[in-house]
Every structure is written in structure tokens, then in C-alpha cells.
N, C-alpha and C. Protein backbone atom coordinates (compact mmCIF):
# COMPACT_ATOMS: atom_id res chain seq x y z
N MET A 1 -42.34 11.67 22.14
CA MET A 1 -42.44 13.16 22.71
C MET A 1 -41.58 14.06 21.96
N LYS A 2 -42.44 15.27 21.31
CA LYS A 2 -41.69 16.10 20.45
C LYS A 2 -40.88 17.09 21.48
N THR A 3 -39.66 17.51 21.45
CA THR A 3 -38.72 18.38 21.90
C THR A 3 -38.27 19.52 21.45
N PHE A 4 -38.02 20.45 22.13
CA PHE A 4 -37.54 21.42 21.19
C PHE A 4 -36.27 21.40 20.18
N ILE A 5 -35.71 20.29 20.73
CA ILE A 5 -34.65 19.79 19.77
C ILE A 5 -35.12 19.31 18.29
N ASP A 6 -36.10 18.85 18.28
CA ASP A 6 -37.07 18.43 17.20
C ASP A 6 -37.62 19.50 16.56
N ASP A 7 -38.06 20.75 17.04
CA ASP A 7 -38.09 21.79 16.26
C ASP A 7 -37.10 22.48 15.65
N ILE A 8 -35.62 22.48 16.31
CA ILE A 8 -34.66 22.82 15.80
C ILE A 8 -34.22 21.88 14.44
N ILE A 9 -34.50 20.62 14.60
CA ILE A 9 -34.24 19.96 13.37
C ILE A 9 -35.37 20.08 12.33
N THR A 10 -36.79 20.37 12.70
CA THR A 10 -37.49 20.47 11.51
C THR A 10 -37.24 21.93 10.88
N ILE A 11 -36.88 23.05 11.61
CA ILE A 11 -36.77 24.37 10.98
C ILE A 11 -35.49 24.30 10.27
N LEU A 12 -34.54 23.57 10.61
CA LEU A 12 -33.36 23.39 9.85
C LEU A 12 -33.65 22.58 8.29
N LYS A 13 -34.38 21.48 8.50
CA LYS A 13 -35.07 20.78 7.44
C LYS A 13 -35.52 21.66 6.60
N ASP A 14 -36.80 22.40 7.12
CA ASP A 14 -37.69 23.08 6.23
C ASP A 14 -37.09 24.14 5.47
N LYS A 15 -35.99 24.64 6.25
CA LYS A 15 -35.38 25.73 5.33
C LYS A 15 -34.18 25.54 4.51
N GLN A 16 -33.88 24.30 4.68
CA GLN A 16 -32.79 23.45 4.11
C GLN A 16 -31.23 24.20 4.33
N LEU A 17 -31.03 24.39 5.69
CA LEU A 17 -30.19 24.78 6.38
C LEU A 17 -29.00 23.72 6.91
N THR A 18 -28.01 23.76 7.09
CA THR A 18 -27.18 22.81 7.64
C THR A 18 -26.61 23.82 9.05
N LEU A 19 -25.95 22.87 10.06
CA LEU A 19 -25.52 23.14 11.27
C LEU A 19 -24.21 22.63 11.83
N ALA A 20 -23.18 23.42 12.23
CA ALA A 20 -22.14 22.74 12.88
C ALA A 20 -21.74 23.46 14.09
N THR A 21 -21.37 22.94 14.85
CA THR A 21 -20.81 23.14 16.30
C THR A 21 -19.32 23.06 16.65
N CYS A 22 -19.13 24.00 17.72
CA CYS A 22 -17.86 23.84 18.26
C CYS A 22 -18.02 24.45 19.81
N GLU A 23 -17.56 23.44 20.68
CA GLU A 23 -17.90 23.51 22.04
C GLU A 23 -16.60 23.57 22.62
N SER A 24 -16.65 24.09 23.78
CA SER A 24 -15.41 24.19 24.85
C SER A 24 -16.11 23.66 26.23
N VAL A 25 -16.79 24.69 26.84
CA VAL A 25 -17.32 24.56 28.09
C VAL A 25 -18.33 23.45 28.33
N THR A 26 -19.20 23.19 27.20
CA THR A 26 -20.13 22.05 27.23
C THR A 26 -19.61 20.96 26.68
N GLY A 27 -18.39 20.89 26.09
CA GLY A 27 -17.71 19.51 25.91
C GLY A 27 -18.43 18.45 25.34
N GLY A 28 -19.29 18.93 24.04
CA GLY A 28 -20.04 18.00 23.25
C GLY A 28 -21.44 17.83 23.69
N MET A 29 -22.00 18.46 24.70
CA MET A 29 -23.41 18.22 24.89
C MET A 29 -24.15 18.99 24.15
N ILE A 30 -24.11 19.82 23.19
CA ILE A 30 -25.03 20.61 22.24
C ILE A 30 -24.95 19.73 21.04
N GLY A 31 -23.86 19.41 20.64
CA GLY A 31 -23.88 18.26 19.38
C GLY A 31 -24.79 17.00 19.82
N SER A 32 -24.25 16.47 21.28
CA SER A 32 -24.96 15.28 21.66
C SER A 32 -26.87 15.33 21.53
N ASN A 33 -27.10 16.57 22.00
CA ASN A 33 -28.40 16.95 22.02
C ASN A 33 -29.19 17.13 20.44
N ILE A 34 -28.56 17.42 19.91
CA ILE A 34 -28.94 17.90 18.45
C ILE A 34 -29.06 16.47 17.95
N VAL A 35 -28.13 15.46 17.81
CA VAL A 35 -27.97 14.07 17.41
C VAL A 35 -28.87 12.98 17.96
N SER A 36 -29.72 13.54 19.24
CA SER A 36 -30.71 12.76 20.01
C SER A 36 -32.02 12.58 18.76
N ALA A 37 -32.08 13.93 18.03
CA ALA A 37 -33.32 14.00 17.39
C ALA A 37 -33.25 13.39 16.22
N ALA A 38 -34.43 12.64 15.81
CA ALA A 38 -34.27 12.00 14.46
C ALA A 38 -34.21 12.97 13.42
N GLY A 39 -33.49 12.46 12.22
CA GLY A 39 -33.64 13.41 11.23
C GLY A 39 -32.00 14.53 11.17
N ALA A 40 -31.38 14.31 12.33
CA ALA A 40 -30.61 15.32 12.58
C ALA A 40 -29.43 14.97 11.45
N SER A 41 -29.31 13.87 10.89
CA SER A 41 -28.20 13.39 10.07
C SER A 41 -28.20 14.43 8.68
N LYS A 42 -29.37 14.45 8.51
CA LYS A 42 -29.93 15.48 7.22
C LYS A 42 -29.41 16.98 7.17
N VAL A 43 -29.04 17.74 8.49
CA VAL A 43 -28.92 18.73 8.79
C VAL A 43 -27.58 19.30 9.54
N TYR A 44 -27.17 18.23 10.41
CA TYR A 44 -26.06 18.57 11.30
C TYR A 44 -24.84 18.07 10.69
N LEU A 45 -23.74 18.69 10.24
CA LEU A 45 -22.47 18.63 9.48
C LEU A 45 -21.59 17.73 10.61
N GLY A 46 -21.44 18.14 11.83
CA GLY A 46 -20.79 17.57 12.90
C GLY A 46 -20.22 18.71 13.84
N GLY A 47 -19.26 18.62 14.64
CA GLY A 47 -18.98 19.33 15.78
C GLY A 47 -17.46 19.34 16.08
N LEU A 48 -16.75 20.19 16.85
CA LEU A 48 -15.56 20.04 17.39
C LEU A 48 -15.69 20.25 18.80
N ILE A 49 -14.76 19.73 19.38
CA ILE A 49 -14.67 19.97 20.90
C ILE A 49 -13.18 20.41 21.12
N THR A 50 -13.25 21.89 21.45
CA THR A 50 -12.02 22.44 21.49
C THR A 50 -11.70 22.94 22.96
N TYR A 51 -11.42 22.15 23.61
CA TYR A 51 -11.56 22.43 25.16
C TYR A 51 -10.17 23.31 25.69
N SER A 52 -9.25 23.23 25.22
CA SER A 52 -7.84 23.36 25.53
C SER A 52 -7.50 24.73 24.50
N LYS A 53 -6.61 25.87 25.20
CA LYS A 53 -6.22 26.76 24.48
C LYS A 53 -5.43 26.47 23.20
N ASN A 54 -4.54 25.33 23.43
CA ASN A 54 -3.72 24.89 22.17
C ASN A 54 -4.68 24.21 21.22
N THR A 55 -5.57 23.52 21.41
CA THR A 55 -6.62 23.10 20.58
C THR A 55 -7.35 24.17 19.79
N LYS A 56 -7.70 25.15 20.52
CA LYS A 56 -8.50 26.09 19.97
C LYS A 56 -7.51 26.92 18.83
N ILE A 57 -6.17 27.15 19.18
CA ILE A 57 -5.20 27.86 18.37
C ILE A 57 -4.85 26.71 17.22
N ASN A 58 -4.88 25.59 17.19
CA ASN A 58 -4.04 24.62 16.35
C ASN A 58 -5.37 24.04 15.38
N LEU A 59 -6.34 23.86 15.86
CA LEU A 59 -7.40 23.30 15.13
C LEU A 59 -8.39 24.20 14.55
N LEU A 60 -8.68 25.24 15.11
CA LEU A 60 -9.46 26.41 14.66
C LEU A 60 -8.61 27.52 13.98
N LYS A 61 -7.29 27.59 13.98
CA LYS A 61 -6.28 28.64 13.58
C LYS A 61 -6.37 29.93 14.25
N ILE A 62 -7.15 29.94 15.42
CA ILE A 62 -7.27 31.27 16.07
C ILE A 62 -5.95 31.77 16.39
N GLU A 63 -5.63 32.94 16.12
CA GLU A 63 -4.31 33.69 16.70
C GLU A 63 -4.35 33.78 17.98
N SER A 64 -3.04 33.43 18.35
CA SER A 64 -2.67 33.45 19.86
C SER A 64 -2.85 34.85 20.79
N LYS A 65 -2.93 35.89 19.87
CA LYS A 65 -2.83 37.15 20.29
C LYS A 65 -4.37 37.60 20.91
N ILE A 66 -5.39 36.94 20.32
CA ILE A 66 -6.86 37.04 20.65
C ILE A 66 -6.81 36.40 21.84
N ILE A 67 -6.48 35.20 22.21
CA ILE A 67 -6.73 34.44 23.20
C ILE A 67 -5.66 34.92 24.44
N ASP A 68 -4.63 35.54 24.10
CA ASP A 68 -3.69 36.22 25.22
C ASP A 68 -4.26 37.71 25.66
N ASN A 69 -5.02 38.24 24.83
CA ASN A 69 -5.76 39.47 24.85
C ASN A 69 -6.85 39.50 25.84
N TYR A 70 -7.72 38.43 25.50
CA TYR A 70 -8.90 38.48 25.78
C TYR A 70 -9.41 37.07 26.85
N GLY A 71 -8.56 36.21 26.80
CA GLY A 71 -8.76 34.97 27.32
C GLY A 71 -9.40 34.01 26.64
N THR A 72 -9.80 32.67 26.99
CA THR A 72 -10.35 31.94 25.96
C THR A 72 -11.78 31.88 26.66
N ILE A 73 -11.97 32.44 27.74
CA ILE A 73 -13.38 32.66 28.01
C ILE A 73 -13.96 34.44 27.74
N SER A 74 -14.29 34.41 26.46
CA SER A 74 -14.43 35.64 26.03
C SER A 74 -15.49 35.92 24.74
N LYS A 75 -16.21 36.80 24.42
CA LYS A 75 -16.69 36.79 23.46
C LYS A 75 -15.92 36.91 22.15
N GLU A 76 -14.59 37.33 22.39
CA GLU A 76 -13.78 37.65 21.11
C GLU A 76 -13.36 36.14 20.56
N THR A 77 -13.28 35.32 21.76
CA THR A 77 -12.60 33.95 21.35
C THR A 77 -14.03 33.18 20.84
N ALA A 78 -15.04 33.37 21.33
CA ALA A 78 -16.41 32.70 21.06
C ALA A 78 -16.63 33.15 19.50
N ILE A 79 -16.37 34.39 18.87
CA ILE A 79 -16.44 34.83 17.75
C ILE A 79 -15.77 33.98 16.65
N VAL A 80 -14.28 33.97 17.23
CA VAL A 80 -13.28 33.51 16.25
C VAL A 80 -13.64 32.02 16.37
N MET A 81 -14.06 31.20 17.23
CA MET A 81 -14.34 29.71 17.32
C MET A 81 -15.51 29.52 16.22
N ALA A 82 -16.69 30.65 16.12
CA ALA A 82 -17.52 30.23 15.38
C ALA A 82 -17.10 30.50 14.07
N LYS A 83 -16.24 31.38 13.63
CA LYS A 83 -15.61 31.45 12.26
C LYS A 83 -14.80 30.24 11.97
N GLY A 84 -14.13 29.97 12.92
CA GLY A 84 -13.29 28.77 12.75
C GLY A 84 -13.92 27.48 12.21
N VAL A 85 -15.19 27.44 12.78
CA VAL A 85 -16.06 26.17 12.67
C VAL A 85 -16.54 26.16 11.32
N LYS A 86 -16.88 27.58 10.85
CA LYS A 86 -17.46 27.78 9.53
C LYS A 86 -16.40 27.32 8.54
N VAL A 87 -14.98 27.74 8.72
CA VAL A 87 -14.00 27.09 7.68
C VAL A 87 -14.19 25.80 7.72
N LYS A 88 -14.18 25.12 8.91
CA LYS A 88 -14.00 23.55 8.91
C LYS A 88 -15.12 22.84 8.27
N PHE A 89 -16.26 23.39 8.26
CA PHE A 89 -17.59 22.70 8.04
C PHE A 89 -18.35 23.39 6.92
N ASN A 90 -18.16 24.40 6.68
CA ASN A 90 -19.02 25.27 5.72
C ASN A 90 -20.19 25.28 5.76
N ALA A 91 -20.94 25.05 7.22
CA ALA A 91 -22.38 24.90 7.34
C ALA A 91 -22.86 26.35 7.08
N ASP A 92 -24.38 26.46 6.95
CA ASP A 92 -25.16 27.81 6.96
C ASP A 92 -25.06 28.42 8.25
N ILE A 93 -24.96 27.48 9.33
CA ILE A 93 -25.43 27.88 10.54
C ILE A 93 -23.84 27.36 11.58
N ASN A 94 -23.23 28.02 12.26
CA ASN A 94 -22.28 27.72 13.13
C ASN A 94 -22.37 28.48 14.45
N LEU A 95 -22.23 27.26 15.42
CA LEU A 95 -22.44 27.71 16.79
C LEU A 95 -21.06 27.55 17.47
N ALA A 96 -20.77 28.37 18.63
CA ALA A 96 -19.62 28.14 19.34
C ALA A 96 -19.82 28.65 20.63
N ILE A 97 -19.29 27.87 21.56
CA ILE A 97 -19.70 28.39 22.79
C ILE A 97 -18.23 28.01 23.71
N THR A 98 -17.93 28.93 24.56
CA THR A 98 -16.74 28.92 25.61
C THR A 98 -17.14 29.46 26.92
N GLY A 99 -16.68 28.86 28.04
CA GLY A 99 -16.88 29.41 29.47
C GLY A 99 -16.50 28.73 30.19
N ASN A 100 -16.74 28.91 31.65
CA ASN A 100 -16.28 28.22 32.85
C ASN A 100 -17.35 27.65 33.79
N ALA A 101 -17.32 26.27 33.63
CA ALA A 101 -18.17 25.56 34.43
C ALA A 101 -17.47 25.29 35.93
N GLY A 102 -16.42 25.67 36.52
CA GLY A 102 -15.67 25.51 37.53
C GLY A 102 -15.26 24.36 37.69
N PRO A 103 -14.73 24.11 39.32
CA PRO A 103 -15.18 24.44 40.11
C PRO A 103 -14.57 25.55 40.56
N ASN A 104 -13.55 26.24 39.89
CA ASN A 104 -12.96 27.41 40.22
C ASN A 104 -12.92 28.57 39.05
N PRO A 105 -12.98 29.85 39.69
CA PRO A 105 -12.70 30.88 38.71
C PRO A 105 -11.69 30.62 38.11
N ASP A 106 -11.72 30.99 36.65
CA ASP A 106 -10.61 30.91 35.41
C ASP A 106 -10.53 32.22 34.61
N GLU A 107 -9.14 32.40 34.59
CA GLU A 107 -9.16 33.74 33.96
C GLU A 107 -10.06 35.06 34.50
N ASP A 108 -9.87 35.01 35.50
CA ASP A 108 -10.69 35.82 36.51
C ASP A 108 -12.00 36.14 36.27
N LYS A 109 -12.53 34.94 35.26
CA LYS A 109 -14.15 34.89 35.21
C LYS A 109 -15.10 34.10 35.64
N GLN A 110 -16.13 34.45 36.04
CA GLN A 110 -17.01 34.00 37.36
C GLN A 110 -17.07 32.27 36.68
N ILE A 111 -17.49 31.40 37.75
CA ILE A 111 -18.20 30.48 37.36
C ILE A 111 -19.51 30.54 37.09
N GLY A 112 -19.68 29.51 35.91
CA GLY A 112 -21.30 29.98 35.24
C GLY A 112 -21.11 30.66 34.11
N LEU A 113 -20.10 31.52 33.85
CA LEU A 113 -20.18 32.38 32.46
C LEU A 113 -19.86 31.72 31.41
N ALA A 114 -20.15 32.27 30.09
CA ALA A 114 -19.87 31.61 29.04
C ALA A 114 -20.37 32.80 27.80
N TYR A 115 -19.73 32.60 26.75
CA TYR A 115 -19.81 33.22 25.67
C TYR A 115 -20.52 32.36 24.46
N LEU A 116 -21.68 32.72 23.93
CA LEU A 116 -22.33 32.02 22.76
C LEU A 116 -21.90 32.76 21.45
N THR A 117 -21.63 32.48 20.52
CA THR A 117 -21.66 33.10 19.05
C THR A 117 -22.37 32.08 18.34
N ILE A 118 -23.34 32.45 17.21
CA ILE A 118 -23.82 31.78 16.40
C ILE A 118 -23.79 32.67 15.12
N ILE A 119 -23.42 32.08 13.98
CA ILE A 119 -23.33 32.66 12.88
C ILE A 119 -24.44 32.12 11.99
N LEU A 120 -25.34 33.23 11.75
CA LEU A 120 -26.48 32.56 10.94
C LEU A 120 -26.53 33.16 9.57
N ILE A 121 -26.28 32.02 8.59
CA ILE A 121 -25.59 32.58 7.26
C ILE A 121 -24.55 33.30 7.29
N ASP A 122 -24.76 34.83 7.15
CA ASP A 122 -23.59 35.68 7.30
C ASP A 122 -23.66 36.69 8.00
N LYS A 123 -24.53 36.50 9.34
CA LYS A 123 -24.42 37.37 10.30
C LYS A 123 -24.33 36.64 11.61
N ALA A 124 -23.37 37.41 12.46
CA ALA A 124 -23.04 36.74 13.77
C ALA A 124 -23.65 37.22 14.97
N TYR A 125 -24.19 36.46 15.96
CA TYR A 125 -24.78 36.78 17.20
C TYR A 125 -24.33 36.35 18.23
N THR A 126 -23.80 37.33 19.15
CA THR A 126 -23.12 36.84 20.39
C THR A 126 -23.86 37.31 21.36
N PHE A 127 -23.85 36.14 22.54
CA PHE A 127 -24.73 36.27 23.84
C PHE A 127 -23.57 36.04 24.90
N GLU A 128 -24.18 36.78 26.21
CA GLU A 128 -23.37 36.35 27.05
C GLU A 128 -24.52 35.52 28.18
N LEU A 129 -23.96 34.32 28.54
CA LEU A 129 -24.95 33.39 29.18
C LEU A 129 -24.34 33.45 30.38
N HIS A 130 -25.14 33.27 31.64
CA HIS A 130 -24.76 32.78 33.07
C HIS A 130 -25.48 31.83 33.48
N SER A 131 -25.08 31.06 34.06
CA SER A 131 -25.69 29.62 34.62
C SER A 131 -25.83 30.13 36.39
N GLU A 132 -27.05 29.80 36.88
CA GLU A 132 -27.06 30.10 38.37
C GLU A 132 -26.89 28.53 38.91
N ALA A 133 -26.52 27.54 38.57
CA ALA A 133 -26.35 26.02 38.70
C ALA A 133 -24.94 26.33 39.67
N THR A 134 -24.91 25.38 40.58
CA THR A 134 -23.64 25.50 41.38
C THR A 134 -22.90 24.37 41.29
N GLU A 135 -23.35 23.21 40.68
CA GLU A 135 -22.44 21.92 40.33
C GLU A 135 -21.95 22.11 38.88
N ARG A 136 -20.60 21.74 38.85
CA ARG A 136 -20.21 21.57 37.34
C ARG A 136 -20.91 21.21 36.20
N ASN A 137 -21.32 19.88 36.38
CA ASN A 137 -22.02 19.19 35.20
C ASN A 137 -23.49 20.11 35.19
N ASN A 138 -24.18 20.42 36.12
CA ASN A 138 -25.27 21.11 36.00
C ASN A 138 -25.04 22.59 35.40
N ILE A 139 -24.11 22.85 35.57
CA ILE A 139 -23.75 24.52 34.69
C ILE A 139 -23.61 24.05 33.43
N ARG A 140 -23.03 22.93 32.94
CA ARG A 140 -22.63 22.81 31.56
C ARG A 140 -24.20 22.11 30.88
N ILE A 141 -25.13 21.45 31.76
CA ILE A 141 -26.39 21.27 31.08
C ILE A 141 -27.11 22.49 31.19
N ASP A 142 -26.96 23.47 31.95
CA ASP A 142 -27.83 24.66 31.81
C ASP A 142 -27.26 25.46 30.68
N LEU A 143 -26.06 25.56 30.38
CA LEU A 143 -25.52 26.39 29.38
C LEU A 143 -25.72 25.75 27.79
N THR A 144 -25.72 24.55 27.93
CA THR A 144 -26.20 23.82 26.84
C THR A 144 -27.62 24.03 26.59
N TYR A 145 -28.57 24.12 27.50
CA TYR A 145 -29.93 24.46 27.03
C TYR A 145 -30.23 25.79 26.72
N GLN A 146 -29.28 26.62 27.35
CA GLN A 146 -29.66 28.14 27.20
C GLN A 146 -29.06 28.44 25.41
N ALA A 147 -27.87 27.76 25.16
CA ALA A 147 -27.26 27.74 23.67
C ALA A 147 -28.50 27.36 22.87
N LEU A 148 -29.19 26.41 23.22
CA LEU A 148 -29.85 25.26 22.19
C LEU A 148 -31.07 26.53 21.95
N THR A 149 -31.62 27.03 22.99
CA THR A 149 -32.58 28.01 23.18
C THR A 149 -32.47 29.38 22.50
N LYS A 150 -31.33 29.74 22.45
CA LYS A 150 -30.93 30.96 21.56
C LYS A 150 -30.89 30.54 20.19
N LEU A 151 -30.32 29.42 19.74
CA LEU A 151 -30.47 28.82 18.34
C LEU A 151 -31.77 28.61 18.05
N LEU A 152 -32.80 28.18 18.66
CA LEU A 152 -33.92 27.95 18.08
C LEU A 152 -34.68 29.39 18.20
N ASP A 153 -34.43 30.36 18.86
CA ASP A 153 -34.99 31.84 18.70
C ASP A 153 -34.61 32.35 17.57
N LEU A 154 -33.40 32.39 17.08
CA LEU A 154 -32.67 32.75 15.94
C LEU A 154 -33.29 32.20 14.61
N LEU A 155 -33.30 30.72 14.83
CA LEU A 155 -34.07 29.98 13.80
C LEU A 155 -35.54 30.45 13.44
N LYS A 156 -36.23 30.75 14.42
CA LYS A 156 -37.55 31.14 13.85
C LYS A 156 -37.79 32.42 13.28
N GLN A 157 -36.48 33.27 13.38
CA GLN A 157 -36.71 34.61 12.74
C GLN A 157 -36.02 34.38 11.08
N VAL A 158 -35.64 33.05 10.85
CA VAL A 158 -35.09 33.02 9.46
C VAL A 158 -36.15 33.19 8.18
N LYS A 159 -36.36 33.91 7.49
CA LYS A 159 -37.38 33.95 6.48
C LYS A 159 -37.06 32.89 5.46
């Protein structure tokens, strides 16, 4: 059965583009979904799970003042995460997501809130995502689906 993940892989292969990911709130679900499709190894370079503040700072070389000023759950952090994964993998498309899956509000940010940045070649797109799910894992699944849907929508616009 063909899925929208297969569509992502097909577009990446057809346009000869590579993808790398950096995940926090989804904890690797995006990368896992990508590699579930046949042919992923031709286009998916890999991913990072930067779950903690220190991992974001140390692995991605994010300046601590960005996290101190805006929090780990912010569009600013999502942007620098995407830039950091671009440096690490040098992919054509770099996706980063950070957010709060609960069970408690964090950094005074609501449960189910996430920020997604996709760097497509040389242009960054940042989205604020919201999950209406109430259980932690279902929030993560929903945010993964939303992120992959945004990725597919952007890929369809590539000439």
C-alpha cells in the first residue's frame, strides 16, 4: 500500500534531493517514518534526536542565549536546530522540530505546541503546530504526521 511517506521518498528521488532531520518532541518518529519507506536510503542522510537543552547546545552548537531568551520550545530554537542539522549533514532539505508533548506545561508553553522549521535548499519555512490529542504519545504521533505533511506540501512546490 502506497503512503504519503512513499510520496515524500519519490519526490526526493525524482528531484535528486537529500533530507536530514533533527527531532526533539517527536523523539525520532519522523526519521523512523521516513526509513519505513523503500528507497529511503537513497535520499535520507540521517537524523539527530536532541531532546535536552544541553544536547541542543553541545551537538548543534546552538548559542545558549537563544534558548535562555526564547526557550527550547520556540520558533527561534527550531530555526537554529534546522541550521545546525544542515551543518552536520549538508542535506538539501533539513527539518527540525521542538515542542511539548506533556504531560505538564513546560516553559509556560501549552501541551501539544510545537515549532517546525524546514530548510528547503536555501529558504527556511517555520510553522507553529498544535496537537489536539490529550495523551503524550498521541501528541507525538500527531505532531509527526503534521510535520511530514508540511514537508510533503513543500516538496510538491519544488520545481
